[in-house]
Amino acid sequence: MSFAWPAALLSLALVPALAALAWAAEQRRRRDAARFGTPALVAATLPERPGRRRFVPLAIALCALTLLLVGLARPHADLSVPRREATVMLALDTSRSMAATDVTPSRFAAALRAAGAFLEAVPSSYSVGIVSFSTSAQVVLRPTTDREQARAALRELRLGSGTAIGEAIARAVAAVRPDAATGAAPAATVVPATVLLLSDGAQTSGGLTPAAAATQARRQGIPVNTVALGTRDAVVEVPLPGGLKQQVTVPPDARTLRAVAQSTGGRFYEVADAARLKEVYADLGSRLGRRQSRTEITAAFAGGGTVLLLLASGLSMLWTRRPL
């Protein structure tokens, strides 16, 4: 929380000062009462008194005063508010290693299901595009709000061989920022964009490194959220000449994907099962639907203070038959 007029917070010194004055007045009242008779005898002859309850309205009034004085400083807070529009690029690994079955029924099938859950979670006003990458990367769906078209594009994806992570990031960025290749800064009124990249292995193809591609994304103000899918001991069968097959271990490259996310201001997830992957995609879909906005909340403090003052006054009239 920050304040437009922080000097106004000095007025909060009034609160303990008033509390001290109230305490001193109470002590003086007790001394005066003791001069004119035995306190226990006087108390027995008078109607029932509110006792310590009479201090409750005062305490509430002091809390109300605190809220009102803080409101004078014009407080601002970072609040999560809905985005009206944005563009999300899904970058999905379609390399041979995605056929591994350590994530049931397979990494590829789990990724497609999770992407479907993402389409359900992300606001309908958002444009969604899809990049498929294996030996190379290609945009299989330009950003669109047509969810059925996006689902159809997911159904058309097929597995390839290598893994071109850097190229996938660059293609995703270029799809939403056509001037990104020239190094130009994004315009002030450009629609917010983000990339959600899923991969299950290290880069094996493409000349552009993930770090260099992340730098491009960062310059364009595009966070890259990354998901490392799979377990470290998963294997796939790779065909060899002569009809032979070789079993190859295909662990995810969590280190590289984490570095990409950190460099661009995105989130990193390490996922080892299909249920968790679906949760991650649904969570990202809901998160991307909101943004942090610095908002003045003076009205909230003023309203809260007013309500507490009314409550304190009402309790004082109820218990002591006199206004606060």
C-alpha atoms as a PDB file:
ATOM      1  CA  MET A   1       0.000   0.000   0.000  1.00  0.00           C
ATOM      2  CA  SER A   2       1.179   3.514  -0.805  1.00  0.00           C
ATOM      3  CA  PHE A   3      -0.168   6.997  -0.079  1.00  0.00           C
ATOM      4  CA  ALA A   4      -0.607  10.090  -2.246  1.00  0.00           C
ATOM      5  CA  TRP A   5      -0.373  12.357   0.827  1.00  0.00           C
ATOM      6  CA  PRO A   6       1.807  10.442   3.318  1.00  0.00           C
ATOM      7  CA  ALA A   7       2.244  13.541   5.515  1.00  0.00           C
ATOM      8  CA  ALA A   8      -1.411  13.193   6.514  1.00  0.00           C
ATOM      9  CA  LEU A   9      -0.486  10.029   8.413  1.00  0.00           C
ATOM     10  CA  LEU A  10       1.065  12.261  11.094  1.00  0.00           C
ATOM     11  CA  SER A  11      -2.489  12.994  12.189  1.00  0.00           C
ATOM     12  CA  LEU A  12      -2.694   9.417  13.495  1.00  0.00           C
ATOM     13  CA  ALA A  13      -0.961  10.728  16.606  1.00  0.00           C
ATOM     14  CA  LEU A  14      -4.413  12.054  17.583  1.00  0.00           C
ATOM     15  CA  VAL A  15      -5.671   8.513  18.201  1.00  0.00           C
ATOM     16  CA  PRO A  16      -3.384   7.574  21.123  1.00  0.00           C
ATOM     17  CA  ALA A  17      -3.717  11.141  22.453  1.00  0.00           C
ATOM     18  CA  LEU A  18      -7.510  10.857  22.577  1.00  0.00           C
ATOM     19  CA  ALA A  19      -7.237   7.387  24.139  1.00  0.00           C
ATOM     20  CA  ALA A  20      -4.980   8.833  26.844  1.00  0.00           C
ATOM     21  CA  LEU A  21      -7.439  11.693  27.493  1.00  0.00           C
ATOM     22  CA  ALA A  22     -10.310   9.231  27.790  1.00  0.00           C
ATOM     23  CA  TRP A  23      -8.330   7.132  30.279  1.00  0.00           C
ATOM     24  CA  ALA A  24      -7.454  10.221  32.328  1.00  0.00           C
ATOM     25  CA  ALA A  25     -11.119  11.331  32.337  1.00  0.00           C
ATOM     26  CA  GLU A  26     -12.176   7.916  33.596  1.00  0.00           C
ATOM     27  CA  GLN A  27      -9.628   8.008  36.399  1.00  0.00           C
ATOM     28  CA  ARG A  28     -10.819  11.489  37.406  1.00  0.00           C
ATOM     29  CA  ARG A  29     -14.451  10.333  37.391  1.00  0.00           C
ATOM     30  CA  ARG A  30     -13.592   7.476  39.730  1.00  0.00           C
ATOM     31  CA  ARG A  31     -11.734   9.773  42.137  1.00  0.00           C
ATOM     32  CA  ASP A  32     -14.632  12.228  42.198  1.00  0.00           C
ATOM     33  CA  ALA A  33     -17.117   9.437  42.863  1.00  0.00           C
ATOM     34  CA  ALA A  34     -15.026   8.128  45.750  1.00  0.00           C
ATOM     35  CA  ARG A  35     -15.167  11.517  47.538  1.00  0.00           C
ATOM     36  CA  PHE A  36     -18.926  11.370  48.003  1.00  0.00           C
ATOM     37  CA  GLY A  37     -19.394   7.880  49.373  1.00  0.00           C
ATOM     38  CA  THR A  38     -18.365   4.276  49.355  1.00  0.00           C
ATOM     39  CA  PRO A  39     -18.175   3.128  45.707  1.00  0.00           C
ATOM     40  CA  ALA A  40     -19.658  -0.311  46.459  1.00  0.00           C
ATOM     41  CA  LEU A  41     -22.616   1.239  48.357  1.00  0.00           C
ATOM     42  CA  VAL A  42     -23.281   3.787  45.635  1.00  0.00           C
ATOM     43  CA  ALA A  43     -23.181   1.092  42.966  1.00  0.00           C
ATOM     44  CA  ALA A  44     -25.703  -1.012  44.900  1.00  0.00           C
ATOM     45  CA  THR A  45     -28.232   1.817  45.099  1.00  0.00           C
ATOM     46  CA  LEU A  46     -28.102   2.797  41.446  1.00  0.00           C
ATOM     47  CA  PRO A  47     -29.745   1.062  38.476  1.00  0.00           C
ATOM     48  CA  GLU A  48     -27.641  -1.466  36.580  1.00  0.00           C
ATOM     49  CA  ARG A  49     -24.764   0.217  34.796  1.00  0.00           C
ATOM     50  CA  PRO A  50     -23.141  -0.899  31.549  1.00  0.00           C
ATOM     51  CA  GLY A  51     -19.843  -1.515  33.345  1.00  0.00           C
ATOM     52  CA  ARG A  52     -16.930  -2.130  31.049  1.00  0.00           C
ATOM     53  CA  ARG A  53     -19.251  -2.179  28.037  1.00  0.00           C
ATOM     54  CA  ARG A  54     -19.225   1.611  28.111  1.00  0.00           C
ATOM     55  CA  PHE A  55     -15.646   1.494  26.785  1.00  0.00           C
ATOM     56  CA  VAL A  56     -16.634  -0.508  23.689  1.00  0.00           C
ATOM     57  CA  PRO A  57     -18.196   2.453  21.800  1.00  0.00           C
ATOM     58  CA  LEU A  58     -15.101   4.530  22.560  1.00  0.00           C
ATOM     59  CA  ALA A  59     -12.810   1.797  21.243  1.00  0.00           C
ATOM     60  CA  ILE A  60     -14.900   1.469  18.073  1.00  0.00           C
ATOM     61  CA  ALA A  61     -14.893   5.257  17.642  1.00  0.00           C
ATOM     62  CA  LEU A  62     -11.095   5.332  17.897  1.00  0.00           C
ATOM     63  CA  CYS A  63     -10.866   2.611  15.223  1.00  0.00           C
ATOM     64  CA  ALA A  64     -13.213   4.672  13.045  1.00  0.00           C
ATOM     65  CA  LEU A  65     -11.053   7.740  13.535  1.00  0.00           C
ATOM     66  CA  THR A  66      -7.989   5.731  12.543  1.00  0.00           C
ATOM     67  CA  LEU A  67      -9.628   4.658   9.278  1.00  0.00           C
ATOM     68  CA  LEU A  68     -10.742   8.194   8.486  1.00  0.00           C
ATOM     69  CA  LEU A  69      -7.294   9.644   9.149  1.00  0.00           C
ATOM     70  CA  VAL A  70      -5.637   6.994   6.975  1.00  0.00           C
ATOM     71  CA  GLY A  71      -8.170   7.869   4.280  1.00  0.00           C
ATOM     72  CA  LEU A  72      -6.956  11.472   4.392  1.00  0.00           C
ATOM     73  CA  ALA A  73      -3.575  10.232   3.136  1.00  0.00           C
ATOM     74  CA  ARG A  74      -5.299   8.879  -0.021  1.00  0.00           C
ATOM     75  CA  PRO A  75      -4.145   5.232   0.143  1.00  0.00           C
ATOM     76  CA  HIS A  76      -3.524   3.226  -3.026  1.00  0.00           C
ATOM     77  CA  ALA A  77      -3.300  -0.553  -3.319  1.00  0.00           C
ATOM     78  CA  ASP A  78      -2.491  -3.088  -6.037  1.00  0.00           C
ATOM     79  CA  LEU A  79      -5.778  -4.796  -6.775  1.00  0.00           C
ATOM     80  CA  SER A  80      -6.498  -7.697  -9.083  1.00  0.00           C
ATOM     81  CA  VAL A  81      -8.978  -6.539 -11.718  1.00  0.00           C
ATOM     82  CA  PRO A  82     -10.350  -8.305 -14.809  1.00  0.00           C
ATOM     83  CA  ARG A  83      -8.650  -7.713 -18.149  1.00  0.00           C
ATOM     84  CA  ARG A  84     -10.931  -6.816 -21.002  1.00  0.00           C
ATOM     85  CA  GLU A  85      -8.691  -8.152 -23.729  1.00  0.00           C
ATOM     86  CA  ALA A  86      -5.348  -9.879 -24.236  1.00  0.00           C
ATOM     87  CA  THR A  87      -3.604 -12.329 -26.527  1.00  0.00           C
ATOM     88  CA  VAL A  88      -2.263 -15.697 -25.392  1.00  0.00           C
ATOM     89  CA  MET A  89       0.034 -17.861 -27.503  1.00  0.00           C
ATOM     90  CA  LEU A  90       0.119 -21.562 -26.649  1.00  0.00           C
ATOM     91  CA  ALA A  91       3.471 -23.068 -27.641  1.00  0.00           C
ATOM     92  CA  LEU A  92       3.246 -26.870 -27.521  1.00  0.00           C
ATOM     93  CA  ASP A  93       6.142 -29.297 -27.841  1.00  0.00           C
ATOM     94  CA  THR A  94       5.380 -31.916 -30.496  1.00  0.00           C
ATOM     95  CA  SER A  95       8.749 -33.671 -30.446  1.00  0.00           C
ATOM     96  CA  ARG A  96       9.104 -37.466 -30.403  1.00  0.00           C
ATOM     97  CA  SER A  97       9.722 -37.473 -26.646  1.00  0.00           C
ATOM     98  CA  MET A  98       6.110 -36.329 -26.093  1.00  0.00           C
ATOM     99  CA  ALA A  99       5.104 -39.934 -26.856  1.00  0.00           C
ATOM    100  CA  ALA A 100       6.528 -41.016 -23.482  1.00  0.00           C
ATOM    101  CA  THR A 101       3.935 -42.607 -21.203  1.00  0.00           C
ATOM    102  CA  ASP A 102       5.298 -41.512 -17.816  1.00  0.00           C
ATOM    103  CA  VAL A 103       2.399 -39.009 -17.936  1.00  0.00           C
ATOM    104  CA  THR A 104      -0.717 -41.050 -18.674  1.00  0.00           C
ATOM    105  CA  PRO A 105      -1.928 -41.832 -21.240  1.00  0.00           C
ATOM    106  CA  SER A 106       1.043 -40.027 -22.815  1.00  0.00           C
ATOM    107  CA  ARG A 107       2.712 -36.662 -22.487  1.00  0.00           C
ATOM    108  CA  PHE A 108       1.227 -35.530 -25.781  1.00  0.00           C
ATOM    109  CA  ALA A 109      -2.322 -36.614 -24.988  1.00  0.00           C
ATOM    110  CA  ALA A 110      -2.148 -35.027 -21.529  1.00  0.00           C
ATOM    111  CA  ALA A 111      -0.854 -31.777 -23.046  1.00  0.00           C
ATOM    112  CA  LEU A 112      -3.735 -31.629 -25.529  1.00  0.00           C
ATOM    113  CA  ARG A 113      -6.309 -32.227 -22.795  1.00  0.00           C
ATOM    114  CA  ALA A 114      -4.747 -29.553 -20.594  1.00  0.00           C
ATOM    115  CA  ALA A 115      -4.751 -27.110 -23.502  1.00  0.00           C
ATOM    116  CA  GLY A 116      -8.459 -27.794 -23.902  1.00  0.00           C
ATOM    117  CA  ALA A 117      -8.978 -26.994 -20.219  1.00  0.00           C
ATOM    118  CA  PHE A 118      -7.042 -23.775 -20.745  1.00  0.00           C
ATOM    119  CA  LEU A 119      -9.364 -22.725 -23.554  1.00  0.00           C
ATOM    120  CA  GLU A 120     -12.281 -23.187 -21.169  1.00  0.00           C
ATOM    121  CA  ALA A 121     -10.653 -21.144 -18.387  1.00  0.00           C
ATOM    122  CA  VAL A 122      -9.310 -18.173 -20.330  1.00  0.00           C
ATOM    123  CA  PRO A 123     -11.831 -15.315 -20.878  1.00  0.00           C
ATOM    124  CA  SER A 124     -13.794 -15.594 -24.125  1.00  0.00           C
ATOM    125  CA  SER A 125     -12.749 -12.060 -25.126  1.00  0.00           C
ATOM    126  CA  TYR A 126      -9.092 -13.135 -25.295  1.00  0.00           C
ATOM    127  CA  SER A 127      -7.446 -14.080 -28.564  1.00  0.00           C
ATOM    128  CA  VAL A 128      -5.605 -17.415 -28.474  1.00  0.00           C
ATOM    129  CA  GLY A 129      -2.962 -18.584 -30.942  1.00  0.00           C
ATOM    130  CA  ILE A 130      -1.049 -21.862 -31.169  1.00  0.00           C
ATOM    131  CA  VAL A 131       2.574 -22.595 -32.040  1.00  0.00           C
ATOM    132  CA  SER A 132       3.698 -26.178 -32.610  1.00  0.00           C
ATOM    133  CA  PHE A 133       7.395 -26.965 -32.335  1.00  0.00           C
ATOM    134  CA  SER A 134       9.581 -29.997 -32.915  1.00  0.00           C
ATOM    135  CA  THR A 135      12.556 -29.813 -35.324  1.00  0.00           C
ATOM    136  CA  SER A 136      11.254 -26.357 -36.209  1.00  0.00           C
ATOM    137  CA  ALA A 137       8.427 -24.151 -35.005  1.00  0.00           C
ATOM    138  CA  GLN A 138       5.399 -22.963 -36.902  1.00  0.00           C
ATOM    139  CA  VAL A 139       2.293 -20.953 -36.086  1.00  0.00           C
ATOM    140  CA  VAL A 140      -0.613 -23.358 -36.631  1.00  0.00           C
ATOM    141  CA  LEU A 141      -3.247 -20.868 -35.474  1.00  0.00           C
ATOM    142  CA  ARG A 142      -3.103 -17.091 -35.633  1.00  0.00           C
ATOM    143  CA  PRO A 143      -4.579 -15.335 -32.584  1.00  0.00           C
ATOM    144  CA  THR A 144      -8.351 -15.630 -32.660  1.00  0.00           C
ATOM    145  CA  THR A 145     -11.304 -15.545 -30.274  1.00  0.00           C
ATOM    146  CA  ASP A 146     -12.873 -18.513 -32.072  1.00  0.00           C
ATOM    147  CA  ARG A 147     -12.503 -21.317 -29.516  1.00  0.00           C
ATOM    148  CA  GLU A 148     -13.814 -24.005 -31.848  1.00  0.00           C
ATOM    149  CA  GLN A 149     -11.134 -23.088 -34.365  1.00  0.00           C
ATOM    150  CA  ALA A 150      -8.542 -23.371 -31.595  1.00  0.00           C
ATOM    151  CA  ARG A 151      -9.802 -26.815 -30.580  1.00  0.00           C
ATOM    152  CA  ALA A 152      -9.688 -27.936 -34.202  1.00  0.00           C
ATOM    153  CA  ALA A 153      -6.073 -26.764 -34.474  1.00  0.00           C
ATOM    154  CA  LEU A 154      -5.167 -28.787 -31.372  1.00  0.00           C
ATOM    155  CA  ARG A 155      -6.726 -31.908 -32.886  1.00  0.00           C
ATOM    156  CA  GLU A 156      -4.554 -31.507 -35.997  1.00  0.00           C
ATOM    157  CA  LEU A 157      -1.252 -31.512 -34.115  1.00  0.00           C
ATOM    158  CA  ARG A 158       1.100 -34.438 -34.820  1.00  0.00           C
ATOM    159  CA  LEU A 159       4.407 -35.525 -33.313  1.00  0.00           C
ATOM    160  CA  GLY A 160       7.733 -34.739 -35.012  1.00  0.00           C
ATOM    161  CA  SER A 161      11.321 -35.251 -33.873  1.00  0.00           C
ATOM    162  CA  GLY A 162      13.590 -32.503 -32.436  1.00  0.00           C
ATOM    163  CA  THR A 163      12.868 -29.675 -29.975  1.00  0.00           C
ATOM    164  CA  ALA A 164      13.265 -26.034 -31.086  1.00  0.00           C
ATOM    165  CA  ILE A 165      12.351 -24.132 -27.912  1.00  0.00           C
ATOM    166  CA  GLY A 166      14.039 -20.851 -28.845  1.00  0.00           C
ATOM    167  CA  GLU A 167      12.389 -20.740 -32.253  1.00  0.00           C
ATOM    168  CA  ALA A 168       9.001 -21.517 -30.680  1.00  0.00           C
ATOM    169  CA  ILE A 169       9.268 -18.520 -28.351  1.00  0.00           C
ATOM    170  CA  ALA A 170      10.349 -16.264 -31.213  1.00  0.00           C
ATOM    171  CA  ARG A 171       7.477 -17.415 -33.450  1.00  0.00           C
ATOM    172  CA  ALA A 172       4.967 -16.871 -30.639  1.00  0.00           C
ATOM    173  CA  VAL A 173       6.288 -13.363 -29.969  1.00  0.00           C
ATOM    174  CA  ALA A 174       6.277 -12.497 -33.676  1.00  0.00           C
ATOM    175  CA  ALA A 175       2.664 -13.649 -33.984  1.00  0.00           C
ATOM    176  CA  VAL A 176       1.504 -10.975 -31.530  1.00  0.00           C
ATOM    177  CA  ARG A 177       4.248  -8.390 -32.133  1.00  0.00           C
ATOM    178  CA  PRO A 178       5.055  -8.361 -35.878  1.00  0.00           C
ATOM    179  CA  ASP A 179       7.720  -5.674 -35.344  1.00  0.00           C
ATOM    180  CA  ALA A 180       9.545  -7.703 -32.686  1.00  0.00           C
ATOM    181  CA  ALA A 181      12.211  -8.913 -35.131  1.00  0.00           C
ATOM    182  CA  THR A 182      13.327  -5.320 -35.765  1.00  0.00           C
ATOM    183  CA  GLY A 183      13.905  -4.768 -32.042  1.00  0.00           C
ATOM    184  CA  ALA A 184      11.315  -1.998 -31.897  1.00  0.00           C
ATOM    185  CA  ALA A 185       9.701  -1.339 -28.529  1.00  0.00           C
ATOM    186  CA  PRO A 186       5.981  -2.134 -28.257  1.00  0.00           C
ATOM    187  CA  ALA A 187       3.520   0.721 -28.670  1.00  0.00           C
ATOM    188  CA  ALA A 188       1.972   2.177 -25.524  1.00  0.00           C
ATOM    189  CA  THR A 189      -1.533   1.111 -26.579  1.00  0.00           C
ATOM    190  CA  VAL A 190      -0.654  -2.434 -27.653  1.00  0.00           C
ATOM    191  CA  VAL A 191      -2.901  -5.271 -26.434  1.00  0.00           C
ATOM    192  CA  PRO A 192      -1.269  -7.220 -23.567  1.00  0.00           C
ATOM    193  CA  ALA A 193       0.133 -10.593 -24.593  1.00  0.00           C
ATOM    194  CA  THR A 194       1.672 -13.633 -22.973  1.00  0.00           C
ATOM    195  CA  VAL A 195       3.138 -16.967 -24.047  1.00  0.00           C
ATOM    196  CA  LEU A 196       2.412 -20.320 -22.415  1.00  0.00           C
ATOM    197  CA  LEU A 197       5.096 -22.799 -23.469  1.00  0.00           C
ATOM    198  CA  LEU A 198       5.078 -26.510 -22.665  1.00  0.00           C
ATOM    199  CA  SER A 199       8.069 -28.730 -23.335  1.00  0.00           C
ATOM    200  CA  ASP A 200       9.310 -32.072 -22.109  1.00  0.00           C
ATOM    201  CA  GLY A 201      12.951 -31.902 -23.155  1.00  0.00           C
ATOM    202  CA  ALA A 202      16.053 -29.860 -23.842  1.00  0.00           C
ATOM    203  CA  GLN A 203      16.555 -27.891 -27.035  1.00  0.00           C
ATOM    204  CA  THR A 204      17.945 -30.103 -29.799  1.00  0.00           C
ATOM    205  CA  SER A 205      17.026 -28.108 -32.922  1.00  0.00           C
ATOM    206  CA  GLY A 206      17.003 -24.542 -34.174  1.00  0.00           C
ATOM    207  CA  GLY A 207      19.709 -21.914 -34.165  1.00  0.00           C
ATOM    208  CA  LEU A 208      18.038 -19.479 -31.737  1.00  0.00           C
ATOM    209  CA  THR A 209      18.718 -20.319 -28.114  1.00  0.00           C
ATOM    210  CA  PRO A 210      15.958 -20.145 -25.480  1.00  0.00           C
ATOM    211  CA  ALA A 211      17.892 -17.404 -23.659  1.00  0.00           C
ATOM    212  CA  ALA A 212      18.115 -15.229 -26.794  1.00  0.00           C
ATOM    213  CA  ALA A 213      14.422 -15.760 -27.538  1.00  0.00           C
ATOM    214  CA  ALA A 214      13.557 -14.868 -23.940  1.00  0.00           C
ATOM    215  CA  THR A 215      15.436 -11.597 -24.388  1.00  0.00           C
ATOM    216  CA  GLN A 216      13.246 -10.789 -27.404  1.00  0.00           C
ATOM    217  CA  ALA A 217      10.116 -11.527 -25.411  1.00  0.00           C
ATOM    218  CA  ARG A 218      11.281  -9.400 -22.496  1.00  0.00           C
ATOM    219  CA  ARG A 219      11.970  -6.427 -24.772  1.00  0.00           C
ATOM    220  CA  GLN A 220       8.410  -6.674 -26.054  1.00  0.00           C
ATOM    221  CA  GLY A 221       7.006  -6.906 -22.534  1.00  0.00           C
ATOM    222  CA  ILE A 222       5.700 -10.437 -23.107  1.00  0.00           C
ATOM    223  CA  PRO A 223       6.005 -12.843 -20.164  1.00  0.00           C
ATOM    224  CA  VAL A 224       6.683 -16.459 -21.065  1.00  0.00           C
ATOM    225  CA  ASN A 225       5.072 -18.945 -18.701  1.00  0.00           C
ATOM    226  CA  THR A 226       6.769 -22.335 -18.976  1.00  0.00           C
ATOM    227  CA  VAL A 227       5.770 -25.878 -18.061  1.00  0.00           C
ATOM    228  CA  ALA A 228       8.333 -28.684 -17.779  1.00  0.00           C
ATOM    229  CA  LEU A 229       6.370 -31.884 -18.367  1.00  0.00           C
ATOM    230  CA  GLY A 230       7.404 -35.393 -17.406  1.00  0.00           C
ATOM    231  CA  THR A 231       9.715 -37.351 -15.115  1.00  0.00           C
ATOM    232  CA  ARG A 232      13.461 -37.752 -15.339  1.00  0.00           C
ATOM    233  CA  ASP A 233      13.463 -41.519 -15.950  1.00  0.00           C
ATOM    234  CA  ALA A 234      10.961 -41.581 -18.844  1.00  0.00           C
ATOM    235  CA  VAL A 235      12.040 -43.326 -22.065  1.00  0.00           C
ATOM    236  CA  VAL A 236      10.889 -43.440 -25.682  1.00  0.00           C
ATOM    237  CA  GLU A 237      11.835 -45.770 -28.529  1.00  0.00           C
ATOM    238  CA  VAL A 238      13.792 -44.182 -31.370  1.00  0.00           C
ATOM    239  CA  PRO A 239      13.875 -46.075 -34.702  1.00  0.00           C
ATOM    240  CA  LEU A 240      17.315 -46.985 -36.067  1.00  0.00           C
ATOM    241  CA  PRO A 241      18.435 -48.128 -39.523  1.00  0.00           C
ATOM    242  CA  GLY A 242      17.681 -51.759 -40.180  1.00  0.00           C
ATOM    243  CA  GLY A 243      14.413 -51.763 -38.312  1.00  0.00           C
ATOM    244  CA  LEU A 244      16.053 -51.636 -34.913  1.00  0.00           C
ATOM    245  CA  LYS A 245      14.866 -49.428 -32.046  1.00  0.00           C
ATOM    246  CA  GLN A 246      16.759 -47.739 -29.265  1.00  0.00           C
ATOM    247  CA  GLN A 247      15.361 -46.699 -25.906  1.00  0.00           C
ATOM    248  CA  VAL A 248      16.329 -43.122 -25.051  1.00  0.00           C
ATOM    249  CA  THR A 249      15.805 -41.350 -21.710  1.00  0.00           C
ATOM    250  CA  VAL A 250      13.888 -38.089 -22.174  1.00  0.00           C
ATOM    251  CA  PRO A 251      13.978 -35.968 -19.002  1.00  0.00           C
ATOM    252  CA  PRO A 252      12.516 -32.426 -19.119  1.00  0.00           C
ATOM    253  CA  ASP A 253      14.947 -29.511 -19.100  1.00  0.00           C
ATOM    254  CA  ALA A 254      13.533 -27.733 -16.051  1.00  0.00           C
ATOM    255  CA  ARG A 255      16.582 -25.529 -15.632  1.00  0.00           C
ATOM    256  CA  THR A 256      16.248 -23.879 -19.051  1.00  0.00           C
ATOM    257  CA  LEU A 257      12.493 -23.444 -18.804  1.00  0.00           C
ATOM    258  CA  ARG A 258      12.765 -21.933 -15.325  1.00  0.00           C
ATOM    259  CA  ALA A 259      15.385 -19.461 -16.595  1.00  0.00           C
ATOM    260  CA  VAL A 260      13.122 -18.418 -19.500  1.00  0.00           C
ATOM    261  CA  ALA A 261      10.207 -17.762 -17.160  1.00  0.00           C
ATOM    262  CA  GLN A 262      12.313 -15.818 -14.680  1.00  0.00           C
ATOM    263  CA  SER A 263      13.923 -13.743 -17.421  1.00  0.00           C
ATOM    264  CA  THR A 264      10.604 -12.662 -18.911  1.00  0.00           C
ATOM    265  CA  GLY A 265       8.567 -12.263 -15.730  1.00  0.00           C
ATOM    266  CA  GLY A 266       6.491 -15.386 -16.306  1.00  0.00           C
ATOM    267  CA  ARG A 267       5.713 -18.371 -14.090  1.00  0.00           C
ATOM    268  CA  PHE A 268       7.451 -21.751 -14.136  1.00  0.00           C
ATOM    269  CA  TYR A 269       5.780 -25.078 -13.375  1.00  0.00           C
ATOM    270  CA  GLU A 270       7.301 -28.530 -13.083  1.00  0.00           C
ATOM    271  CA  VAL A 271       4.621 -31.146 -13.749  1.00  0.00           C
ATOM    272  CA  ALA A 272       4.877 -34.931 -13.515  1.00  0.00           C
ATOM    273  CA  ASP A 273       1.292 -36.098 -14.010  1.00  0.00           C
ATOM    274  CA  ALA A 274      -1.760 -35.342 -16.142  1.00  0.00           C
ATOM    275  CA  ALA A 275      -4.018 -34.177 -13.318  1.00  0.00           C
ATOM    276  CA  ARG A 276      -1.499 -31.588 -12.146  1.00  0.00           C
ATOM    277  CA  LEU A 277      -0.935 -30.402 -15.716  1.00  0.00           C
ATOM    278  CA  LYS A 278      -4.650 -29.780 -16.191  1.00  0.00           C
ATOM    279  CA  GLU A 279      -4.748 -27.846 -12.905  1.00  0.00           C
ATOM    280  CA  VAL A 280      -1.778 -25.703 -13.990  1.00  0.00           C
ATOM    281  CA  TYR A 281      -3.367 -24.805 -17.321  1.00  0.00           C
ATOM    282  CA  ALA A 282      -6.716 -24.005 -15.724  1.00  0.00           C
ATOM    283  CA  ASP A 283      -4.977 -21.901 -13.069  1.00  0.00           C
ATOM    284  CA  LEU A 284      -2.993 -19.986 -15.679  1.00  0.00           C
ATOM    285  CA  GLY A 285      -6.164 -19.403 -17.671  1.00  0.00           C
ATOM    286  CA  SER A 286      -7.856 -17.774 -14.690  1.00  0.00           C
ATOM    287  CA  ARG A 287      -4.739 -15.806 -13.701  1.00  0.00           C
ATOM    288  CA  LEU A 288      -4.270 -14.400 -17.184  1.00  0.00           C
ATOM    289  CA  GLY A 289      -7.822 -13.115 -17.013  1.00  0.00           C
ATOM    290  CA  ARG A 290      -6.833 -10.586 -14.358  1.00  0.00           C
ATOM    291  CA  ARG A 291      -4.194  -7.911 -13.958  1.00  0.00           C
ATOM    292  CA  GLN A 292      -2.722  -5.909 -11.105  1.00  0.00           C
ATOM    293  CA  SER A 293      -3.906  -2.303 -11.039  1.00  0.00           C
ATOM    294  CA  ARG A 294      -2.866   0.440  -8.621  1.00  0.00           C
ATOM    295  CA  THR A 295      -6.168   1.820  -7.373  1.00  0.00           C
ATOM    296  CA  GLU A 296      -7.041   4.543  -4.876  1.00  0.00           C
ATOM    297  CA  ILE A 297      -9.021   3.034  -1.987  1.00  0.00           C
ATOM    298  CA  THR A 298      -9.805   6.213  -0.033  1.00  0.00           C
ATOM    299  CA  ALA A 299     -13.530   5.544  -0.363  1.00  0.00           C
ATOM    300  CA  ALA A 300     -13.149   2.172   1.358  1.00  0.00           C
ATOM    301  CA  PHE A 301     -11.464   3.758   4.389  1.00  0.00           C
ATOM    302  CA  ALA A 302     -13.978   6.602   4.512  1.00  0.00           C
ATOM    303  CA  GLY A 303     -16.908   4.212   4.253  1.00  0.00           C
ATOM    304  CA  GLY A 304     -15.479   1.872   6.882  1.00  0.00           C
ATOM    305  CA  GLY A 305     -14.829   4.760   9.258  1.00  0.00           C
ATOM    306  CA  THR A 306     -18.350   6.119   8.825  1.00  0.00           C
ATOM    307  CA  VAL A 307     -19.933   2.732   9.515  1.00  0.00           C
ATOM    308  CA  LEU A 308     -17.864   2.292  12.672  1.00  0.00           C
ATOM    309  CA  LEU A 309     -18.810   5.770  13.899  1.00  0.00           C
ATOM    310  CA  LEU A 310     -22.501   4.990  13.447  1.00  0.00           C
ATOM    311  CA  LEU A 311     -22.034   1.685  15.255  1.00  0.00           C
ATOM    312  CA  ALA A 312     -20.202   3.350  18.135  1.00  0.00           C
ATOM    313  CA  SER A 313     -22.902   6.010  18.475  1.00  0.00           C
ATOM    314  CA  GLY A 314     -25.677   3.422  18.395  1.00  0.00           C
ATOM    315  CA  LEU A 315     -24.055   1.278  21.096  1.00  0.00           C
ATOM    316  CA  SER A 316     -23.432   4.324  23.264  1.00  0.00           C
ATOM    317  CA  MET A 317     -27.103   5.335  23.102  1.00  0.00           C
ATOM    318  CA  LEU A 318     -28.212   1.762  23.794  1.00  0.00           C
ATOM    319  CA  TRP A 319     -25.980   1.156  26.794  1.00  0.00           C
ATOM    320  CA  THR A 320     -25.474   4.594  28.369  1.00  0.00           C
ATOM    321  CA  ARG A 321     -28.509   6.576  27.066  1.00  0.00           C
ATOM    322  CA  ARG A 322     -26.230   9.311  25.862  1.00  0.00           C
ATOM    323  CA  PRO A 323     -24.466  10.072  22.557  1.00  0.00           C
ATOM    324  CA  LEU A 324     -20.856   9.194  22.114  1.00  0.00           C
END
